[in-house]
Amino acid sequence: MKKLVVTMLLVATAAGTAHAGLKVIGKGDAMRLDPSSFPPVMKENYEVVRVKCIKCHTLERTIVAIQTGVAPISGQPFDRSATKAYGVKMLRKPDSNMSKPEVKASVDLMNFLLAEAER
């Protein structure tokens, strides 16, 4: 229980210092990104994420992780090595229904977004 409280406080604190590099629309379950300023290939990658990833969780989880650098559920650091690990995890999940190119597109987008969030 203490771990959950500490994680939630960490996420809440970090969320208050969200980076200006990401344009976010909506709140909670309706939270999504505004891809209008993305390069064309990242717009395509965003469509993969927007369609595939929401089968299991909202985009809010991914956006909060990118904004804060902390995975909301585990409380672990969310960085480039984490995006790769999550990609491998999703590829191995039988219900994710994601191909290797879709996972690569998702990881590439998350890495792009991490870089944008740092701006």
N, C-alpha and C. Protein backbone atom coordinates (compact mmCIF):
# COMPACT_ATOMS: atom_id res chain seq x y z
N MET A 1 0.82 -1.19 0.00
CA MET A 1 0.00 0.00 0.00
C MET A 1 0.87 1.25 0.00
N LYS A 2 1.93 1.22 0.79
CA LYS A 2 2.82 2.38 0.85
C LYS A 2 3.45 2.65 -0.51
N LYS A 3 3.82 1.55 -1.21
CA LYS A 3 4.43 1.69 -2.53
C LYS A 3 3.46 2.37 -3.50
N LEU A 4 2.19 1.98 -3.44
CA LEU A 4 1.18 2.57 -4.30
C LEU A 4 1.02 4.06 -4.00
N VAL A 5 0.97 4.42 -2.74
CA VAL A 5 0.81 5.82 -2.36
C VAL A 5 2.01 6.63 -2.81
N VAL A 6 3.20 6.10 -2.59
CA VAL A 6 4.42 6.81 -3.02
C VAL A 6 4.44 6.97 -4.53
N THR A 7 4.08 5.92 -5.25
CA THR A 7 4.04 5.99 -6.71
C THR A 7 3.04 7.03 -7.18
N MET A 8 1.85 7.04 -6.59
CA MET A 8 0.83 8.00 -6.99
C MET A 8 1.28 9.43 -6.70
N LEU A 9 1.93 9.65 -5.57
CA LEU A 9 2.45 10.98 -5.25
C LEU A 9 3.52 11.40 -6.23
N LEU A 10 4.39 10.47 -6.58
CA LEU A 10 5.45 10.76 -7.54
C LEU A 10 4.86 11.12 -8.90
N VAL A 11 3.89 10.35 -9.35
CA VAL A 11 3.25 10.63 -10.64
C VAL A 11 2.51 11.96 -10.58
N ALA A 12 1.79 12.23 -9.51
CA ALA A 12 1.05 13.49 -9.39
C ALA A 12 2.00 14.68 -9.38
N THR A 13 3.10 14.56 -8.66
CA THR A 13 4.07 15.64 -8.61
C THR A 13 4.70 15.87 -9.97
N ALA A 14 5.10 14.80 -10.62
CA ALA A 14 5.74 14.92 -11.93
C ALA A 14 4.74 15.40 -12.98
N ALA A 15 3.49 14.99 -12.87
CA ALA A 15 2.48 15.41 -13.84
C ALA A 15 2.26 16.92 -13.77
N GLY A 16 2.46 17.50 -12.62
CA GLY A 16 2.31 18.94 -12.47
C GLY A 16 3.40 19.71 -13.19
N THR A 17 4.48 19.04 -13.50
CA THR A 17 5.59 19.67 -14.21
C THR A 17 5.68 19.13 -15.63
N ALA A 18 4.55 18.88 -16.26
CA ALA A 18 4.53 18.34 -17.61
C ALA A 18 5.29 19.25 -18.57
N HIS A 19 5.92 18.62 -19.52
CA HIS A 19 6.74 19.35 -20.47
C HIS A 19 5.89 19.98 -21.56
N ALA A 20 6.34 21.11 -22.06
CA ALA A 20 5.60 21.83 -23.08
C ALA A 20 5.74 21.18 -24.45
N GLY A 21 6.67 20.24 -24.61
CA GLY A 21 6.93 19.63 -25.91
C GLY A 21 5.80 18.77 -26.43
N LEU A 22 4.87 18.35 -25.60
CA LEU A 22 3.76 17.51 -26.02
C LEU A 22 2.45 18.28 -25.95
N LYS A 23 1.70 18.21 -27.03
CA LYS A 23 0.37 18.82 -27.04
C LYS A 23 -0.64 17.74 -26.69
N VAL A 24 -1.27 17.89 -25.53
CA VAL A 24 -2.23 16.90 -25.03
C VAL A 24 -3.62 17.49 -25.10
N ILE A 25 -4.55 16.66 -25.53
CA ILE A 25 -5.96 17.06 -25.63
C ILE A 25 -6.76 16.16 -24.70
N GLY A 26 -7.65 16.75 -23.93
CA GLY A 26 -8.53 15.99 -23.06
C GLY A 26 -7.88 15.59 -21.75
N LYS A 27 -8.66 14.90 -20.94
CA LYS A 27 -8.20 14.45 -19.62
C LYS A 27 -8.70 13.04 -19.38
N GLY A 28 -8.04 12.37 -18.44
CA GLY A 28 -8.48 11.03 -18.05
C GLY A 28 -8.51 10.07 -19.23
N ASP A 29 -9.57 9.26 -19.27
CA ASP A 29 -9.69 8.25 -20.32
C ASP A 29 -9.76 8.85 -21.72
N ALA A 30 -10.13 10.12 -21.83
CA ALA A 30 -10.24 10.78 -23.14
C ALA A 30 -8.93 11.46 -23.55
N MET A 31 -7.90 11.36 -22.73
CA MET A 31 -6.63 12.02 -23.04
C MET A 31 -6.01 11.42 -24.30
N ARG A 32 -5.54 12.32 -25.17
CA ARG A 32 -4.86 11.89 -26.39
C ARG A 32 -3.87 12.97 -26.78
N LEU A 33 -3.07 12.67 -27.76
CA LEU A 33 -2.09 13.63 -28.23
C LEU A 33 -2.59 14.35 -29.46
N ASP A 34 -2.08 15.56 -29.69
CA ASP A 34 -2.35 16.30 -30.92
C ASP A 34 -1.16 16.05 -31.85
N PRO A 35 -1.34 15.18 -32.85
CA PRO A 35 -0.22 14.84 -33.72
C PRO A 35 0.02 15.82 -34.87
N SER A 36 -0.64 16.96 -34.86
CA SER A 36 -0.55 17.89 -35.99
C SER A 36 0.88 18.36 -36.27
N SER A 37 1.72 18.43 -35.25
CA SER A 37 3.09 18.89 -35.46
C SER A 37 4.09 17.74 -35.61
N PHE A 38 3.61 16.50 -35.60
CA PHE A 38 4.49 15.35 -35.76
C PHE A 38 4.99 15.26 -37.21
N PRO A 39 6.18 14.74 -37.42
CA PRO A 39 6.62 14.41 -38.78
C PRO A 39 5.69 13.34 -39.35
N PRO A 40 5.56 13.25 -40.68
CA PRO A 40 4.62 12.30 -41.29
C PRO A 40 4.75 10.85 -40.79
N VAL A 41 5.96 10.35 -40.66
CA VAL A 41 6.12 8.96 -40.21
C VAL A 41 5.63 8.80 -38.78
N MET A 42 5.80 9.80 -37.94
CA MET A 42 5.33 9.71 -36.56
C MET A 42 3.81 9.82 -36.49
N LYS A 43 3.20 10.54 -37.43
CA LYS A 43 1.74 10.56 -37.51
C LYS A 43 1.21 9.16 -37.80
N GLU A 44 1.90 8.45 -38.72
CA GLU A 44 1.51 7.08 -39.04
C GLU A 44 1.69 6.18 -37.81
N ASN A 45 2.80 6.35 -37.12
CA ASN A 45 3.06 5.56 -35.91
C ASN A 45 2.02 5.85 -34.83
N TYR A 46 1.60 7.11 -34.73
CA TYR A 46 0.58 7.48 -33.74
C TYR A 46 -0.73 6.76 -34.04
N GLU A 47 -1.05 6.60 -35.29
CA GLU A 47 -2.29 5.89 -35.65
C GLU A 47 -2.22 4.43 -35.20
N VAL A 48 -1.04 3.82 -35.32
CA VAL A 48 -0.87 2.44 -34.83
C VAL A 48 -1.13 2.41 -33.33
N VAL A 49 -0.50 3.31 -32.59
CA VAL A 49 -0.66 3.36 -31.14
C VAL A 49 -2.12 3.65 -30.78
N ARG A 50 -2.69 4.62 -31.46
CA ARG A 50 -4.07 5.04 -31.16
C ARG A 50 -5.06 3.89 -31.37
N VAL A 51 -4.80 3.03 -32.34
CA VAL A 51 -5.72 1.92 -32.62
C VAL A 51 -5.39 0.67 -31.82
N LYS A 52 -4.11 0.31 -31.76
CA LYS A 52 -3.72 -0.96 -31.14
C LYS A 52 -3.62 -0.90 -29.62
N CYS A 53 -3.00 0.14 -29.09
CA CYS A 53 -2.70 0.18 -27.65
C CYS A 53 -3.94 0.35 -26.79
N ILE A 54 -4.96 1.03 -27.33
CA ILE A 54 -6.15 1.28 -26.52
C ILE A 54 -7.02 0.04 -26.34
N LYS A 55 -6.63 -1.05 -26.96
CA LYS A 55 -7.38 -2.29 -26.74
C LYS A 55 -7.20 -2.78 -25.31
N CYS A 56 -6.06 -2.44 -24.71
CA CYS A 56 -5.76 -2.92 -23.35
C CYS A 56 -5.71 -1.80 -22.31
N HIS A 57 -5.40 -0.58 -22.72
CA HIS A 57 -5.31 0.54 -21.77
C HIS A 57 -5.53 1.85 -22.50
N THR A 58 -5.84 2.89 -21.76
CA THR A 58 -6.06 4.20 -22.37
C THR A 58 -4.73 4.82 -22.79
N LEU A 59 -4.80 5.81 -23.64
CA LEU A 59 -3.60 6.55 -24.02
C LEU A 59 -3.07 7.36 -22.85
N GLU A 60 -3.93 7.65 -21.90
CA GLU A 60 -3.50 8.41 -20.72
C GLU A 60 -2.30 7.74 -20.05
N ARG A 61 -2.32 6.43 -19.94
CA ARG A 61 -1.22 5.72 -19.28
C ARG A 61 0.10 6.00 -19.99
N THR A 62 0.09 5.93 -21.31
CA THR A 62 1.31 6.18 -22.08
C THR A 62 1.73 7.64 -22.00
N ILE A 63 0.78 8.54 -22.11
CA ILE A 63 1.08 9.97 -22.08
C ILE A 63 1.67 10.37 -20.73
N VAL A 64 1.07 9.89 -19.64
CA VAL A 64 1.58 10.21 -18.31
C VAL A 64 3.00 9.67 -18.14
N ALA A 65 3.25 8.46 -18.62
CA ALA A 65 4.59 7.89 -18.53
C ALA A 65 5.60 8.74 -19.28
N ILE A 66 5.23 9.20 -20.45
CA ILE A 66 6.13 10.04 -21.25
C ILE A 66 6.34 11.39 -20.59
N GLN A 67 5.28 12.00 -20.09
CA GLN A 67 5.39 13.31 -19.46
C GLN A 67 6.21 13.29 -18.18
N THR A 68 6.05 12.22 -17.40
CA THR A 68 6.68 12.19 -16.09
C THR A 68 7.99 11.41 -16.04
N GLY A 69 8.18 10.52 -17.01
CA GLY A 69 9.36 9.66 -16.98
C GLY A 69 9.20 8.51 -16.00
N VAL A 70 7.95 8.27 -15.55
CA VAL A 70 7.66 7.20 -14.59
C VAL A 70 6.47 6.40 -15.11
N ALA A 71 6.62 5.08 -15.16
CA ALA A 71 5.50 4.22 -15.56
C ALA A 71 4.45 4.25 -14.46
N PRO A 72 3.20 4.63 -14.78
CA PRO A 72 2.18 4.82 -13.75
C PRO A 72 1.86 3.59 -12.91
N ILE A 73 1.91 2.41 -13.48
CA ILE A 73 1.54 1.21 -12.75
C ILE A 73 2.70 0.70 -11.88
N SER A 74 3.87 0.56 -12.49
CA SER A 74 5.01 -0.02 -11.76
C SER A 74 5.82 1.00 -10.97
N GLY A 75 5.75 2.27 -11.37
CA GLY A 75 6.57 3.29 -10.72
C GLY A 75 8.02 3.27 -11.17
N GLN A 76 8.32 2.43 -12.15
CA GLN A 76 9.68 2.32 -12.68
C GLN A 76 9.97 3.46 -13.66
N PRO A 77 11.24 3.76 -13.88
CA PRO A 77 11.58 4.80 -14.86
C PRO A 77 11.05 4.45 -16.24
N PHE A 78 10.56 5.46 -16.94
CA PHE A 78 10.07 5.28 -18.31
C PHE A 78 11.00 6.07 -19.22
N ASP A 79 11.91 5.34 -19.86
CA ASP A 79 12.91 5.95 -20.74
C ASP A 79 13.04 5.08 -21.99
N ARG A 80 14.08 5.33 -22.79
CA ARG A 80 14.25 4.59 -24.03
C ARG A 80 14.40 3.08 -23.80
N SER A 81 15.08 2.69 -22.75
CA SER A 81 15.21 1.25 -22.50
C SER A 81 13.87 0.66 -22.07
N ALA A 82 13.07 1.44 -21.38
CA ALA A 82 11.74 0.97 -20.96
C ALA A 82 10.82 0.82 -22.16
N THR A 83 10.91 1.74 -23.13
CA THR A 83 10.03 1.63 -24.30
C THR A 83 10.33 0.35 -25.06
N LYS A 84 11.60 0.02 -25.16
CA LYS A 84 11.99 -1.24 -25.84
C LYS A 84 11.45 -2.44 -25.07
N ALA A 85 11.61 -2.43 -23.75
CA ALA A 85 11.11 -3.53 -22.92
C ALA A 85 9.59 -3.68 -23.03
N TYR A 86 8.88 -2.55 -23.04
CA TYR A 86 7.43 -2.61 -23.20
C TYR A 86 7.05 -3.14 -24.57
N GLY A 87 7.82 -2.75 -25.58
CA GLY A 87 7.57 -3.27 -26.93
C GLY A 87 7.70 -4.77 -26.99
N VAL A 88 8.76 -5.30 -26.40
CA VAL A 88 8.97 -6.75 -26.36
C VAL A 88 7.83 -7.42 -25.59
N LYS A 89 7.44 -6.81 -24.48
CA LYS A 89 6.35 -7.35 -23.67
C LYS A 89 5.05 -7.41 -24.48
N MET A 90 4.75 -6.35 -25.22
CA MET A 90 3.51 -6.32 -26.00
C MET A 90 3.57 -7.32 -27.15
N LEU A 91 4.74 -7.50 -27.73
CA LEU A 91 4.89 -8.46 -28.82
C LEU A 91 4.63 -9.88 -28.33
N ARG A 92 5.00 -10.14 -27.09
CA ARG A 92 4.83 -11.49 -26.52
C ARG A 92 3.43 -11.74 -25.99
N LYS A 93 2.66 -10.68 -25.75
CA LYS A 93 1.30 -10.85 -25.23
C LYS A 93 0.41 -11.41 -26.36
N PRO A 94 -0.21 -12.55 -26.14
CA PRO A 94 -1.01 -13.14 -27.21
C PRO A 94 -2.22 -12.29 -27.60
N ASP A 95 -2.78 -11.54 -26.66
CA ASP A 95 -3.97 -10.76 -26.95
C ASP A 95 -3.67 -9.37 -27.53
N SER A 96 -2.39 -9.01 -27.61
CA SER A 96 -2.08 -7.67 -28.12
C SER A 96 -2.34 -7.56 -29.61
N ASN A 97 -2.25 -8.69 -30.31
CA ASN A 97 -2.51 -8.71 -31.75
C ASN A 97 -1.66 -7.67 -32.49
N MET A 98 -0.40 -7.55 -32.06
CA MET A 98 0.51 -6.59 -32.69
C MET A 98 1.62 -7.33 -33.42
N SER A 99 1.91 -6.87 -34.63
CA SER A 99 3.00 -7.43 -35.41
C SER A 99 4.31 -6.75 -35.02
N LYS A 100 5.43 -7.33 -35.47
CA LYS A 100 6.73 -6.72 -35.18
C LYS A 100 6.81 -5.29 -35.74
N PRO A 101 6.34 -5.05 -36.97
CA PRO A 101 6.39 -3.66 -37.47
C PRO A 101 5.52 -2.70 -36.65
N GLU A 102 4.39 -3.17 -36.15
CA GLU A 102 3.53 -2.31 -35.33
C GLU A 102 4.19 -2.01 -33.99
N VAL A 103 4.85 -3.00 -33.41
CA VAL A 103 5.55 -2.77 -32.15
C VAL A 103 6.70 -1.81 -32.37
N LYS A 104 7.44 -1.99 -33.47
CA LYS A 104 8.55 -1.08 -33.78
C LYS A 104 8.03 0.34 -33.95
N ALA A 105 6.91 0.50 -34.66
CA ALA A 105 6.31 1.82 -34.86
C ALA A 105 5.93 2.44 -33.52
N SER A 106 5.38 1.64 -32.62
CA SER A 106 4.98 2.12 -31.29
C SER A 106 6.19 2.56 -30.47
N VAL A 107 7.24 1.74 -30.47
CA VAL A 107 8.45 2.07 -29.73
C VAL A 107 9.10 3.32 -30.31
N ASP A 108 9.16 3.40 -31.64
CA ASP A 108 9.73 4.59 -32.29
C ASP A 108 8.96 5.84 -31.90
N LEU A 109 7.63 5.75 -31.87
CA LEU A 109 6.82 6.90 -31.48
C LEU A 109 7.08 7.28 -30.03
N MET A 110 7.10 6.30 -29.13
CA MET A 110 7.34 6.63 -27.72
C MET A 110 8.71 7.28 -27.53
N ASN A 111 9.71 6.80 -28.25
CA ASN A 111 11.04 7.41 -28.15
C ASN A 111 11.03 8.84 -28.71
N PHE A 112 10.32 9.05 -29.80
CA PHE A 112 10.16 10.39 -30.36
C PHE A 112 9.48 11.31 -29.34
N LEU A 113 8.42 10.80 -28.72
CA LEU A 113 7.67 11.59 -27.74
C LEU A 113 8.50 11.89 -26.49
N LEU A 114 9.32 10.95 -26.07
CA LEU A 114 10.22 11.21 -24.93
C LEU A 114 11.16 12.36 -25.27
N ALA A 115 11.70 12.36 -26.48
CA ALA A 115 12.60 13.43 -26.91
C ALA A 115 11.84 14.76 -26.98
N GLU A 116 10.62 14.74 -27.48
CA GLU A 116 9.80 15.95 -27.57
C GLU A 116 9.47 16.49 -26.17
N ALA A 117 9.19 15.57 -25.25
CA ALA A 117 8.83 15.98 -23.89
C ALA A 117 9.99 16.66 -23.17
N GLU A 118 11.21 16.32 -23.57
CA GLU A 118 12.39 16.92 -22.95
C GLU A 118 12.63 18.35 -23.42
N ARG A 119 12.02 18.74 -24.51
CA ARG A 119 12.24 20.08 -25.07
C ARG A 119 11.70 21.16 -24.19
